[in-house]
Amino acid sequence: MEIRDLLLTAFDNVEESVRGALDGIDPALLTVRLDPDANTIAWLVWHLTRVQDDHVAEVAGVEQAYTEAGWADRFALPFPPSAHGYGFTSSDVGRTEITDPQLLLDYHADVHRRTAEFVRTLTAADLDRVVDRRWDPPVTLGVRLLSVIGDDLQHAGQAALLRGSLERR
């Protein structure tokens, strides 16, 4: 198996998890908070997709789908287009008012497609390329991609758990 095939499978798992968390969901559940500081399904999926878009676009040397394809305008959130959820306060999470599950699904599908296009170009040697020298040790492309996959799967799982909890209320 080529390493790119393994990475593609992992990103496919993220996409499948996002679809599972959102397909057929009651839109009213997207912004429900289990407590005043809890994340919402909408924020979790928007955030995981924004991080994947941001991080993969950076290492691929391309513009993010969020800005290039007009997703920032469609979401019309009260944050700059560069925002992706890191460092958000509880208040910021509450202002992430997204009530259209299809908008989240479509944005994620676009980011997934772009990610897969990039990953298909990679060789095993590419994964050793240093992409972030702000850390010690510096972050390689392989580590960055695995970090995105891990973070995304955790947030997709949180969204699915939250949906299940809210639907059982």
C-alpha atoms as a PDB file:
ATOM      1  CA  MET A   1       0.000   0.000   0.000  1.00  0.00           C
ATOM      2  CA  GLU A   2       1.237   3.462  -0.879  1.00  0.00           C
ATOM      3  CA  ILE A   3       1.339   5.960   1.978  1.00  0.00           C
ATOM      4  CA  ARG A   4      -0.915   8.309   0.021  1.00  0.00           C
ATOM      5  CA  ASP A   5      -3.566   5.559  -0.098  1.00  0.00           C
ATOM      6  CA  LEU A   6      -3.420   5.226   3.671  1.00  0.00           C
ATOM      7  CA  LEU A   7      -3.786   9.003   4.095  1.00  0.00           C
ATOM      8  CA  LEU A   8      -6.662   9.076   1.600  1.00  0.00           C
ATOM      9  CA  THR A   9      -8.430   6.358   3.582  1.00  0.00           C
ATOM     10  CA  ALA A  10      -7.969   8.337   6.794  1.00  0.00           C
ATOM     11  CA  PHE A  11      -9.371  11.530   5.241  1.00  0.00           C
ATOM     12  CA  ASP A  12     -12.236   9.468   3.768  1.00  0.00           C
ATOM     13  CA  ASN A  13     -12.955   8.283   7.324  1.00  0.00           C
ATOM     14  CA  VAL A  14     -13.165  11.905   8.456  1.00  0.00           C
ATOM     15  CA  GLU A  15     -15.577  12.734   5.638  1.00  0.00           C
ATOM     16  CA  GLU A  16     -17.710   9.685   6.418  1.00  0.00           C
ATOM     17  CA  SER A  17     -17.808  10.629  10.107  1.00  0.00           C
ATOM     18  CA  VAL A  18     -18.892  14.181   9.282  1.00  0.00           C
ATOM     19  CA  ARG A  19     -21.668  12.878   7.022  1.00  0.00           C
ATOM     20  CA  GLY A  20     -22.753  10.475   9.751  1.00  0.00           C
ATOM     21  CA  ALA A  21     -22.983  13.294  12.261  1.00  0.00           C
ATOM     22  CA  LEU A  22     -25.025  15.521   9.946  1.00  0.00           C
ATOM     23  CA  ASP A  23     -27.069  13.436   7.495  1.00  0.00           C
ATOM     24  CA  GLY A  24     -30.769  13.820   8.243  1.00  0.00           C
ATOM     25  CA  ILE A  25     -30.172  15.890  11.384  1.00  0.00           C
ATOM     26  CA  ASP A  26     -32.870  18.199  12.675  1.00  0.00           C
ATOM     27  CA  PRO A  27     -31.374  21.653  11.943  1.00  0.00           C
ATOM     28  CA  ALA A  28     -32.541  22.863  15.351  1.00  0.00           C
ATOM     29  CA  LEU A  29     -29.963  20.556  16.970  1.00  0.00           C
ATOM     30  CA  LEU A  30     -26.997  22.227  15.262  1.00  0.00           C
ATOM     31  CA  THR A  31     -26.764  25.107  17.737  1.00  0.00           C
ATOM     32  CA  VAL A  32     -27.949  23.425  20.950  1.00  0.00           C
ATOM     33  CA  ARG A  33     -25.485  23.558  23.843  1.00  0.00           C
ATOM     34  CA  LEU A  34     -25.602  20.929  26.584  1.00  0.00           C
ATOM     35  CA  ASP A  35     -24.402  23.606  28.989  1.00  0.00           C
ATOM     36  CA  PRO A  36     -23.618  27.306  28.529  1.00  0.00           C
ATOM     37  CA  ASP A  37     -19.958  26.633  27.652  1.00  0.00           C
ATOM     38  CA  ALA A  38     -20.358  23.478  25.567  1.00  0.00           C
ATOM     39  CA  ASN A  39     -19.504  23.290  21.882  1.00  0.00           C
ATOM     40  CA  THR A  40     -22.310  22.855  19.381  1.00  0.00           C
ATOM     41  CA  ILE A  41     -22.538  20.377  16.525  1.00  0.00           C
ATOM     42  CA  ALA A  42     -22.367  23.267  14.064  1.00  0.00           C
ATOM     43  CA  TRP A  43     -19.242  24.696  15.668  1.00  0.00           C
ATOM     44  CA  LEU A  44     -17.510  21.305  15.881  1.00  0.00           C
ATOM     45  CA  VAL A  45     -18.060  20.505  12.206  1.00  0.00           C
ATOM     46  CA  TRP A  46     -17.302  24.049  11.021  1.00  0.00           C
ATOM     47  CA  HIS A  47     -14.107  24.088  13.127  1.00  0.00           C
ATOM     48  CA  LEU A  48     -12.804  20.685  12.041  1.00  0.00           C
ATOM     49  CA  THR A  49     -13.431  21.598   8.411  1.00  0.00           C
ATOM     50  CA  ARG A  50     -11.835  25.031   8.774  1.00  0.00           C
ATOM     51  CA  VAL A  51      -8.721  23.477  10.337  1.00  0.00           C
ATOM     52  CA  GLN A  52      -8.422  20.901   7.566  1.00  0.00           C
ATOM     53  CA  ASP A  53      -8.955  23.612   4.936  1.00  0.00           C
ATOM     54  CA  ASP A  54      -6.423  25.953   6.564  1.00  0.00           C
ATOM     55  CA  HIS A  55      -3.708  23.402   7.274  1.00  0.00           C
ATOM     56  CA  VAL A  56      -3.900  21.447   4.027  1.00  0.00           C
ATOM     57  CA  ALA A  57      -4.108  24.583   1.879  1.00  0.00           C
ATOM     58  CA  GLU A  58      -1.020  25.933   3.630  1.00  0.00           C
ATOM     59  CA  VAL A  59       1.107  22.844   2.998  1.00  0.00           C
ATOM     60  CA  ALA A  60      -0.248  22.513  -0.544  1.00  0.00           C
ATOM     61  CA  GLY A  61       0.568  26.145  -1.277  1.00  0.00           C
ATOM     62  CA  VAL A  62      -2.962  27.009  -2.397  1.00  0.00           C
ATOM     63  CA  GLU A  63      -5.735  29.318  -1.252  1.00  0.00           C
ATOM     64  CA  GLN A  64      -8.249  27.956   1.225  1.00  0.00           C
ATOM     65  CA  ALA A  65     -11.624  26.846  -0.106  1.00  0.00           C
ATOM     66  CA  TYR A  66     -13.241  29.043   2.556  1.00  0.00           C
ATOM     67  CA  THR A  67     -12.124  32.182   0.777  1.00  0.00           C
ATOM     68  CA  GLU A  68     -11.469  31.015  -2.777  1.00  0.00           C
ATOM     69  CA  ALA A  69     -14.814  29.282  -3.259  1.00  0.00           C
ATOM     70  CA  GLY A  70     -16.879  31.835  -1.317  1.00  0.00           C
ATOM     71  CA  TRP A  71     -17.704  29.669   1.687  1.00  0.00           C
ATOM     72  CA  ALA A  72     -16.910  32.527   4.087  1.00  0.00           C
ATOM     73  CA  ASP A  73     -19.620  34.613   2.428  1.00  0.00           C
ATOM     74  CA  ARG A  74     -22.135  31.751   2.510  1.00  0.00           C
ATOM     75  CA  PHE A  75     -21.543  31.122   6.208  1.00  0.00           C
ATOM     76  CA  ALA A  76     -21.647  34.881   6.954  1.00  0.00           C
ATOM     77  CA  LEU A  77     -20.201  34.390  10.431  1.00  0.00           C
ATOM     78  CA  PRO A  78     -19.154  37.387  12.546  1.00  0.00           C
ATOM     79  CA  PHE A  79     -15.450  36.487  12.336  1.00  0.00           C
ATOM     80  CA  PRO A  80     -12.694  37.323   9.885  1.00  0.00           C
ATOM     81  CA  PRO A  81     -12.318  34.778   7.056  1.00  0.00           C
ATOM     82  CA  SER A  82      -9.008  33.665   8.602  1.00  0.00           C
ATOM     83  CA  ALA A  83     -10.787  32.402  11.754  1.00  0.00           C
ATOM     84  CA  HIS A  84     -10.901  28.647  12.200  1.00  0.00           C
ATOM     85  CA  GLY A  85     -11.924  28.224  15.807  1.00  0.00           C
ATOM     86  CA  TYR A  86      -8.592  27.910  17.620  1.00  0.00           C
ATOM     87  CA  GLY A  87      -8.689  30.191  20.632  1.00  0.00           C
ATOM     88  CA  PHE A  88     -12.429  30.750  20.385  1.00  0.00           C
ATOM     89  CA  THR A  89     -14.168  31.692  23.607  1.00  0.00           C
ATOM     90  CA  SER A  90     -17.460  30.236  24.728  1.00  0.00           C
ATOM     91  CA  SER A  91     -19.085  33.404  23.423  1.00  0.00           C
ATOM     92  CA  ASP A  92     -17.459  32.903  20.014  1.00  0.00           C
ATOM     93  CA  VAL A  93     -18.781  29.348  19.864  1.00  0.00           C
ATOM     94  CA  GLY A  94     -22.246  30.714  20.642  1.00  0.00           C
ATOM     95  CA  ARG A  95     -21.958  33.255  17.817  1.00  0.00           C
ATOM     96  CA  THR A  96     -21.168  30.443  15.345  1.00  0.00           C
ATOM     97  CA  GLU A  97     -24.806  30.264  14.310  1.00  0.00           C
ATOM     98  CA  ILE A  98     -25.086  27.739  11.502  1.00  0.00           C
ATOM     99  CA  THR A  99     -28.519  26.191  11.068  1.00  0.00           C
ATOM    100  CA  ASP A 100     -28.125  24.576   7.637  1.00  0.00           C
ATOM    101  CA  PRO A 101     -26.608  21.097   7.809  1.00  0.00           C
ATOM    102  CA  GLN A 102     -26.283  21.016   4.006  1.00  0.00           C
ATOM    103  CA  LEU A 103     -24.039  24.085   4.092  1.00  0.00           C
ATOM    104  CA  LEU A 104     -21.697  22.279   6.488  1.00  0.00           C
ATOM    105  CA  LEU A 105     -21.828  19.083   4.420  1.00  0.00           C
ATOM    106  CA  ASP A 106     -21.128  20.916   1.160  1.00  0.00           C
ATOM    107  CA  TYR A 107     -18.221  22.893   2.610  1.00  0.00           C
ATOM    108  CA  HIS A 108     -16.723  19.754   4.088  1.00  0.00           C
ATOM    109  CA  ALA A 109     -17.148  17.890   0.782  1.00  0.00           C
ATOM    110  CA  ASP A 110     -15.285  20.679  -1.036  1.00  0.00           C
ATOM    111  CA  VAL A 111     -12.438  20.636   1.490  1.00  0.00           C
ATOM    112  CA  HIS A 112     -12.329  16.845   1.363  1.00  0.00           C
ATOM    113  CA  ARG A 113     -12.110  16.897  -2.437  1.00  0.00           C
ATOM    114  CA  ARG A 114      -9.281  19.442  -2.352  1.00  0.00           C
ATOM    115  CA  THR A 115      -7.464  17.486   0.353  1.00  0.00           C
ATOM    116  CA  ALA A 116      -7.710  14.259  -1.650  1.00  0.00           C
ATOM    117  CA  GLU A 117      -6.397  16.006  -4.779  1.00  0.00           C
ATOM    118  CA  PHE A 118      -3.339  17.164  -2.816  1.00  0.00           C
ATOM    119  CA  VAL A 119      -2.747  13.848  -1.046  1.00  0.00           C
ATOM    120  CA  ARG A 120      -2.865  11.972  -4.374  1.00  0.00           C
ATOM    121  CA  THR A 121       0.242  13.933  -5.442  1.00  0.00           C
ATOM    122  CA  LEU A 122       2.344  12.868  -2.446  1.00  0.00           C
ATOM    123  CA  THR A 123       5.159  10.390  -2.242  1.00  0.00           C
ATOM    124  CA  ALA A 124       6.599   8.895   0.923  1.00  0.00           C
ATOM    125  CA  ALA A 125       9.596  11.229   0.618  1.00  0.00           C
ATOM    126  CA  ASP A 126       7.291  14.283   0.613  1.00  0.00           C
ATOM    127  CA  LEU A 127       6.134  13.469   4.131  1.00  0.00           C
ATOM    128  CA  ASP A 128       9.569  14.332   5.548  1.00  0.00           C
ATOM    129  CA  ARG A 129       9.384  17.927   4.263  1.00  0.00           C
ATOM    130  CA  VAL A 130       9.426  20.401   7.147  1.00  0.00           C
ATOM    131  CA  VAL A 131       6.324  22.585   6.979  1.00  0.00           C
ATOM    132  CA  ASP A 132       6.479  24.423  10.320  1.00  0.00           C
ATOM    133  CA  ARG A 133       9.689  25.467  12.063  1.00  0.00           C
ATOM    134  CA  ARG A 134       7.925  27.148  14.993  1.00  0.00           C
ATOM    135  CA  TRP A 135       8.025  23.863  16.938  1.00  0.00           C
ATOM    136  CA  ASP A 136      10.879  21.830  18.395  1.00  0.00           C
ATOM    137  CA  PRO A 137      11.251  19.503  16.649  1.00  0.00           C
ATOM    138  CA  PRO A 138      10.024  21.161  13.458  1.00  0.00           C
ATOM    139  CA  VAL A 139       6.775  19.742  12.062  1.00  0.00           C
ATOM    140  CA  THR A 140       6.954  17.628   8.921  1.00  0.00           C
ATOM    141  CA  LEU A 141       4.223  17.286   6.329  1.00  0.00           C
ATOM    142  CA  GLY A 142       3.468  13.755   7.542  1.00  0.00           C
ATOM    143  CA  VAL A 143       3.065  14.882  11.140  1.00  0.00           C
ATOM    144  CA  ARG A 144       0.888  17.837  10.102  1.00  0.00           C
ATOM    145  CA  LEU A 145      -1.454  15.623   8.070  1.00  0.00           C
ATOM    146  CA  LEU A 146      -1.733  13.079  10.893  1.00  0.00           C
ATOM    147  CA  SER A 147      -2.457  15.898  13.327  1.00  0.00           C
ATOM    148  CA  VAL A 148      -5.299  17.160  11.133  1.00  0.00           C
ATOM    149  CA  ILE A 149      -6.736  13.654  10.766  1.00  0.00           C
ATOM    150  CA  GLY A 150      -6.588  13.018  14.524  1.00  0.00           C
ATOM    151  CA  ASP A 151      -8.134  16.373  15.428  1.00  0.00           C
ATOM    152  CA  ASP A 152     -10.856  16.011  12.801  1.00  0.00           C
ATOM    153  CA  LEU A 153     -11.812  12.498  13.874  1.00  0.00           C
ATOM    154  CA  GLN A 154     -12.059  13.579  17.510  1.00  0.00           C
ATOM    155  CA  HIS A 155     -14.324  16.527  16.674  1.00  0.00           C
ATOM    156  CA  ALA A 156     -16.476  14.457  14.289  1.00  0.00           C
ATOM    157  CA  GLY A 157     -16.878  11.901  17.063  1.00  0.00           C
ATOM    158  CA  GLN A 158     -17.846  14.641  19.498  1.00  0.00           C
ATOM    159  CA  ALA A 159     -20.444  15.935  17.022  1.00  0.00           C
ATOM    160  CA  ALA A 160     -21.880  12.428  16.592  1.00  0.00           C
ATOM    161  CA  LEU A 161     -22.006  11.860  20.349  1.00  0.00           C
ATOM    162  CA  LEU A 162     -23.660  15.236  20.865  1.00  0.00           C
ATOM    163  CA  ARG A 163     -26.239  14.469  18.170  1.00  0.00           C
ATOM    164  CA  GLY A 164     -27.051  11.129  19.764  1.00  0.00           C
ATOM    165  CA  SER A 165     -27.393  12.740  23.187  1.00  0.00           C
ATOM    166  CA  LEU A 166     -29.663  15.502  21.893  1.00  0.00           C
ATOM    167  CA  GLU A 167     -31.867  13.155  19.880  1.00  0.00           C
ATOM    168  CA  ARG A 168     -32.470  11.021  22.967  1.00  0.00           C
ATOM    169  CA  ARG A 169     -33.675  13.946  25.083  1.00  0.00           C
END
